[in-house]
Amino acid sequence: MKVARFVLKVVALSLTTAAVVCAIIAYWDKLTELGQNLFGKLQEKKACICKSEYDDYVE
């Protein structure tokens, strides 16, 4: 009985892994778009934080 439970756990783990991989492949374009948007927002925040105190003065 213990062997059967172990086999079922291995099968369940394999199916779960396959489902996650399929979901990543199916939504890859949306995931990359989300990542690019987050990266862009982080770059904007970094640009705001790194401003020089003399940027307001006109030369």
PDB file of N, CA and C in Angstrom:
ATOM      1  N   MET A   1       0.812  -1.185   0.000  1.00  0.00           N
ATOM      2  CA  MET A   1       0.000   0.000   0.000  1.00  0.00           C
ATOM      3  C   MET A   1       0.867   1.265   0.000  1.00  0.00           C
ATOM      4  N   LYS A   2       1.990   1.217   0.691  1.00  0.00           N
ATOM      5  CA  LYS A   2       2.867   2.380   0.730  1.00  0.00           C
ATOM      6  C   LYS A   2       3.470   2.668  -0.635  1.00  0.00           C
ATOM      7  N   VAL A   3       3.747   1.596  -1.380  1.00  0.00           N
ATOM      8  CA  VAL A   3       4.323   1.784  -2.712  1.00  0.00           C
ATOM      9  C   VAL A   3       3.305   2.444  -3.631  1.00  0.00           C
ATOM     10  N   ALA A   4       2.066   2.058  -3.534  1.00  0.00           N
ATOM     11  CA  ALA A   4       1.022   2.644  -4.369  1.00  0.00           C
ATOM     12  C   ALA A   4       0.855   4.129  -4.051  1.00  0.00           C
ATOM     13  N   ARG A   5       0.895   4.497  -2.787  1.00  0.00           N
ATOM     14  CA  ARG A   5       0.789   5.910  -2.414  1.00  0.00           C
ATOM     15  C   ARG A   5       1.973   6.697  -2.956  1.00  0.00           C
ATOM     16  N   PHE A   6       3.153   6.112  -2.865  1.00  0.00           N
ATOM     17  CA  PHE A   6       4.343   6.780  -3.375  1.00  0.00           C
ATOM     18  C   PHE A   6       4.243   6.993  -4.878  1.00  0.00           C
ATOM     19  N   VAL A   7       3.795   5.978  -5.588  1.00  0.00           N
ATOM     20  CA  VAL A   7       3.651   6.085  -7.037  1.00  0.00           C
ATOM     21  C   VAL A   7       2.625   7.152  -7.387  1.00  0.00           C
ATOM     22  N   LEU A   8       1.514   7.192  -6.665  1.00  0.00           N
ATOM     23  CA  LEU A   8       0.493   8.203  -6.928  1.00  0.00           C
ATOM     24  C   LEU A   8       1.013   9.615  -6.636  1.00  0.00           C
ATOM     25  N   LYS A   9       1.838   9.758  -5.604  1.00  0.00           N
ATOM     26  CA  LYS A   9       2.425  11.059  -5.304  1.00  0.00           C
ATOM     27  C   LYS A   9       3.385  11.493  -6.407  1.00  0.00           C
ATOM     28  N   VAL A  10       4.154  10.560  -6.930  1.00  0.00           N
ATOM     29  CA  VAL A  10       5.075  10.868  -8.020  1.00  0.00           C
ATOM     30  C   VAL A  10       4.303  11.266  -9.273  1.00  0.00           C
ATOM     31  N   VAL A  11       3.231  10.552  -9.562  1.00  0.00           N
ATOM     32  CA  VAL A  11       2.399  10.874 -10.726  1.00  0.00           C
ATOM     33  C   VAL A  11       1.755  12.251 -10.547  1.00  0.00           C
ATOM     34  N   ALA A  12       1.259  12.538  -9.353  1.00  0.00           N
ATOM     35  CA  ALA A  12       0.647  13.839  -9.095  1.00  0.00           C
ATOM     36  C   ALA A  12       1.668  14.957  -9.245  1.00  0.00           C
ATOM     37  N   LEU A  13       2.864  14.754  -8.744  1.00  0.00           N
ATOM     38  CA  LEU A  13       3.913  15.755  -8.878  1.00  0.00           C
ATOM     39  C   LEU A  13       4.277  15.981 -10.346  1.00  0.00           C
ATOM     40  N   SER A  14       4.356  14.907 -11.107  1.00  0.00           N
ATOM     41  CA  SER A  14       4.669  15.019 -12.534  1.00  0.00           C
ATOM     42  C   SER A  14       3.582  15.777 -13.283  1.00  0.00           C
ATOM     43  N   LEU A  15       2.323  15.476 -12.994  1.00  0.00           N
ATOM     44  CA  LEU A  15       1.223  16.168 -13.659  1.00  0.00           C
ATOM     45  C   LEU A  15       1.177  17.649 -13.276  1.00  0.00           C
ATOM     46  N   THR A  16       1.465  17.951 -12.027  1.00  0.00           N
ATOM     47  CA  THR A  16       1.485  19.342 -11.594  1.00  0.00           C
ATOM     48  C   THR A  16       2.597  20.104 -12.288  1.00  0.00           C
ATOM     49  N   THR A  17       3.761  19.488 -12.372  1.00  0.00           N
ATOM     50  CA  THR A  17       4.889  20.122 -13.060  1.00  0.00           C
ATOM     51  C   THR A  17       4.566  20.358 -14.530  1.00  0.00           C
ATOM     52  N   ALA A  18       3.953  19.370 -15.167  1.00  0.00           N
ATOM     53  CA  ALA A  18       3.578  19.523 -16.574  1.00  0.00           C
ATOM     54  C   ALA A  18       2.556  20.644 -16.755  1.00  0.00           C
ATOM     55  N   ALA A  19       1.613  20.760 -15.822  1.00  0.00           N
ATOM     56  CA  ALA A  19       0.605  21.817 -15.912  1.00  0.00           C
ATOM     57  C   ALA A  19       1.241  23.201 -15.766  1.00  0.00           C
ATOM     58  N   VAL A  20       2.186  23.334 -14.854  1.00  0.00           N
ATOM     59  CA  VAL A  20       2.865  24.615 -14.664  1.00  0.00           C
ATOM     60  C   VAL A  20       3.663  24.987 -15.906  1.00  0.00           C
ATOM     61  N   VAL A  21       4.368  24.029 -16.471  1.00  0.00           N
ATOM     62  CA  VAL A  21       5.154  24.289 -17.682  1.00  0.00           C
ATOM     63  C   VAL A  21       4.232  24.680 -18.838  1.00  0.00           C
ATOM     64  N   CYS A  22       3.111  24.005 -18.979  1.00  0.00           N
ATOM     65  CA  CYS A  22       2.160  24.340 -20.046  1.00  0.00           C
ATOM     66  C   CYS A  22       1.582  25.737 -19.846  1.00  0.00           C
ATOM     67  N   ALA A  23       1.294  26.113 -18.600  1.00  0.00           N
ATOM     68  CA  ALA A  23       0.764  27.446 -18.326  1.00  0.00           C
ATOM     69  C   ALA A  23       1.800  28.514 -18.652  1.00  0.00           C
ATOM     70  N   ILE A  24       3.054  28.267 -18.326  1.00  0.00           N
ATOM     71  CA  ILE A  24       4.112  29.229 -18.642  1.00  0.00           C
ATOM     72  C   ILE A  24       4.252  29.389 -20.144  1.00  0.00           C
ATOM     73  N   ILE A  25       4.214  28.290 -20.866  1.00  0.00           N
ATOM     74  CA  ILE A  25       4.333  28.351 -22.323  1.00  0.00           C
ATOM     75  C   ILE A  25       3.122  29.066 -22.929  1.00  0.00           C
ATOM     76  N   ALA A  26       1.930  28.792 -22.407  1.00  0.00           N
ATOM     77  CA  ALA A  26       0.715  29.385 -22.967  1.00  0.00           C
ATOM     78  C   ALA A  26       0.665  30.895 -22.753  1.00  0.00           C
ATOM     79  N   TYR A  27       1.151  31.356 -21.614  1.00  0.00           N
ATOM     80  CA  TYR A  27       1.071  32.778 -21.291  1.00  0.00           C
ATOM     81  C   TYR A  27       2.421  33.470 -21.359  1.00  0.00           C
ATOM     82  N   TRP A  28       3.352  32.944 -22.140  1.00  0.00           N
ATOM     83  CA  TRP A  28       4.703  33.500 -22.203  1.00  0.00           C
ATOM     84  C   TRP A  28       4.692  34.953 -22.677  1.00  0.00           C
ATOM     85  N   ASP A  29       3.903  35.257 -23.696  1.00  0.00           N
ATOM     86  CA  ASP A  29       3.883  36.622 -24.218  1.00  0.00           C
ATOM     87  C   ASP A  29       3.349  37.606 -23.182  1.00  0.00           C
ATOM     88  N   LYS A  30       2.337  37.211 -22.437  1.00  0.00           N
ATOM     89  CA  LYS A  30       1.796  38.092 -21.406  1.00  0.00           C
ATOM     90  C   LYS A  30       2.767  38.238 -20.235  1.00  0.00           C
ATOM     91  N   LEU A  31       3.475  37.165 -19.906  1.00  0.00           N
ATOM     92  CA  LEU A  31       4.455  37.226 -18.819  1.00  0.00           C
ATOM     93  C   LEU A  31       5.624  38.136 -19.181  1.00  0.00           C
ATOM     94  N   THR A  32       6.091  38.060 -20.428  1.00  0.00           N
ATOM     95  CA  THR A  32       7.193  38.930 -20.831  1.00  0.00           C
ATOM     96  C   THR A  32       6.745  40.392 -20.878  1.00  0.00           C
ATOM     97  N   GLU A  33       5.524  40.635 -21.325  1.00  0.00           N
ATOM     98  CA  GLU A  33       4.993  42.002 -21.343  1.00  0.00           C
ATOM     99  C   GLU A  33       4.894  42.557 -19.921  1.00  0.00           C
ATOM    100  N   LEU A  34       4.429  41.732 -18.994  1.00  0.00           N
ATOM    101  CA  LEU A  34       4.345  42.145 -17.598  1.00  0.00           C
ATOM    102  C   LEU A  34       5.731  42.456 -17.042  1.00  0.00           C
ATOM    103  N   GLY A  35       6.697  41.609 -17.362  1.00  0.00           N
ATOM    104  CA  GLY A  35       8.064  41.842 -16.900  1.00  0.00           C
ATOM    105  C   GLY A  35       8.650  43.121 -17.465  1.00  0.00           C
ATOM    106  N   GLN A  36       8.395  43.405 -18.727  1.00  0.00           N
ATOM    107  CA  GLN A  36       8.898  44.631 -19.343  1.00  0.00           C
ATOM    108  C   GLN A  36       8.251  45.862 -18.719  1.00  0.00           C
ATOM    109  N   ASN A  37       6.961  45.773 -18.425  1.00  0.00           N
ATOM    110  CA  ASN A  37       6.279  46.903 -17.784  1.00  0.00           C
ATOM    111  C   ASN A  37       6.855  47.164 -16.397  1.00  0.00           C
ATOM    112  N   LEU A  38       7.075  46.102 -15.635  1.00  0.00           N
ATOM    113  CA  LEU A  38       7.644  46.271 -14.301  1.00  0.00           C
ATOM    114  C   LEU A  38       9.059  46.833 -14.376  1.00  0.00           C
ATOM    115  N   PHE A  39       9.844  46.346 -15.337  1.00  0.00           N
ATOM    116  CA  PHE A  39      11.206  46.845 -15.495  1.00  0.00           C
ATOM    117  C   PHE A  39      11.200  48.326 -15.872  1.00  0.00           C
ATOM    118  N   GLY A  40      10.287  48.711 -16.749  1.00  0.00           N
ATOM    119  CA  GLY A  40      10.171  50.118 -17.139  1.00  0.00           C
ATOM    120  C   GLY A  40       9.796  51.003 -15.964  1.00  0.00           C
ATOM    121  N   LYS A  41       8.864  50.533 -15.137  1.00  0.00           N
ATOM    122  CA  LYS A  41       8.469  51.315 -13.967  1.00  0.00           C
ATOM    123  C   LYS A  41       9.618  51.435 -12.973  1.00  0.00           C
ATOM    124  N   LEU A  42      10.389  50.378 -12.803  1.00  0.00           N
ATOM    125  CA  LEU A  42      11.542  50.442 -11.910  1.00  0.00           C
ATOM    126  C   LEU A  42      12.584  51.420 -12.435  1.00  0.00           C
ATOM    127  N   GLN A  43      12.778  51.448 -13.746  1.00  0.00           N
ATOM    128  CA  GLN A  43      13.726  52.385 -14.335  1.00  0.00           C
ATOM    129  C   GLN A  43      13.263  53.822 -14.126  1.00  0.00           C
ATOM    130  N   GLU A  44      11.953  54.070 -14.249  1.00  0.00           N
ATOM    131  CA  GLU A  44      11.422  55.406 -14.035  1.00  0.00           C
ATOM    132  C   GLU A  44      11.628  55.853 -12.592  1.00  0.00           C
ATOM    133  N   LYS A  45      11.380  54.948 -11.643  1.00  0.00           N
ATOM    134  CA  LYS A  45      11.581  55.287 -10.240  1.00  0.00           C
ATOM    135  C   LYS A  45      13.046  55.561  -9.952  1.00  0.00           C
ATOM    136  N   LYS A  46      13.914  54.775 -10.577  1.00  0.00           N
ATOM    137  CA  LYS A  46      15.349  54.965 -10.378  1.00  0.00           C
ATOM    138  C   LYS A  46      15.772  56.324 -10.936  1.00  0.00           C
ATOM    139  N   ALA A  47      15.217  56.704 -12.074  1.00  0.00           N
ATOM    140  CA  ALA A  47      15.552  57.990 -12.671  1.00  0.00           C
ATOM    141  C   ALA A  47      15.069  59.137 -11.785  1.00  0.00           C
ATOM    142  N   CYS A  48      13.930  58.969 -11.153  1.00  0.00           N
ATOM    143  CA  CYS A  48      13.414  60.015 -10.272  1.00  0.00           C
ATOM    144  C   CYS A  48      14.264  60.148  -9.013  1.00  0.00           C
ATOM    145  N   ILE A  49      14.710  59.038  -8.491  1.00  0.00           N
ATOM    146  CA  ILE A  49      15.493  59.050  -7.263  1.00  0.00           C
ATOM    147  C   ILE A  49      16.896  59.595  -7.517  1.00  0.00           C
ATOM    148  N   CYS A  50      17.446  59.325  -8.674  1.00  0.00           N
ATOM    149  CA  CYS A  50      18.840  59.678  -8.951  1.00  0.00           C
ATOM    150  C   CYS A  50      19.012  61.076  -9.546  1.00  0.00           C
ATOM    151  N   LYS A  51      18.018  61.907  -9.492  1.00  0.00           N
ATOM    152  CA  LYS A  51      18.153  63.262 -10.030  1.00  0.00           C
ATOM    153  C   LYS A  51      19.150  64.044  -9.210  1.00  0.00           C
ATOM    154  N   SER A  52      19.846  64.887  -9.880  1.00  0.00           N
ATOM    155  CA  SER A  52      20.808  65.757  -9.214  1.00  0.00           C
ATOM    156  C   SER A  52      20.063  66.949  -8.641  1.00  0.00           C
ATOM    157  N   GLU A  53      20.595  67.515  -7.583  1.00  0.00           N
ATOM    158  CA  GLU A  53      19.946  68.676  -6.989  1.00  0.00           C
ATOM    159  C   GLU A  53      20.087  69.922  -7.864  1.00  0.00           C
ATOM    160  N   TYR A  54      20.964  69.890  -8.853  1.00  0.00           N
ATOM    161  CA  TYR A  54      21.197  71.033  -9.738  1.00  0.00           C
ATOM    162  C   TYR A  54      20.433  70.916 -11.052  1.00  0.00           C
ATOM    163  N   ASP A  55      19.581  69.875 -11.215  1.00  0.00           N
ATOM    164  CA  ASP A  55      18.843  69.710 -12.459  1.00  0.00           C
ATOM    165  C   ASP A  55      17.810  70.814 -12.681  1.00  0.00           C
ATOM    166  N   ASP A  56      17.396  71.494 -11.632  1.00  0.00           N
ATOM    167  CA  ASP A  56      16.380  72.529 -11.767  1.00  0.00           C
ATOM    168  C   ASP A  56      16.933  73.842 -12.324  1.00  0.00           C
ATOM    169  N   TYR A  57      18.233  74.033 -12.238  1.00  0.00           N
ATOM    170  CA  TYR A  57      18.834  75.293 -12.690  1.00  0.00           C
ATOM    171  C   TYR A  57      19.056  75.299 -14.193  1.00  0.00           C
ATOM    172  N   VAL A  58      18.758  76.431 -14.813  1.00  0.00           N
ATOM    173  CA  VAL A  58      18.975  76.603 -16.242  1.00  0.00           C
ATOM    174  C   VAL A  58      20.394  77.137 -16.449  1.00  0.00           C
ATOM    175  N   GLU A  59      21.056  76.587 -17.419  1.00  0.00           N
ATOM    176  CA  GLU A  59      22.449  77.024 -17.673  1.00  0.00           C
ATOM    177  C   GLU A  59      22.482  78.293 -18.465  1.00  0.00           C
TER     178      GLU A  59
END
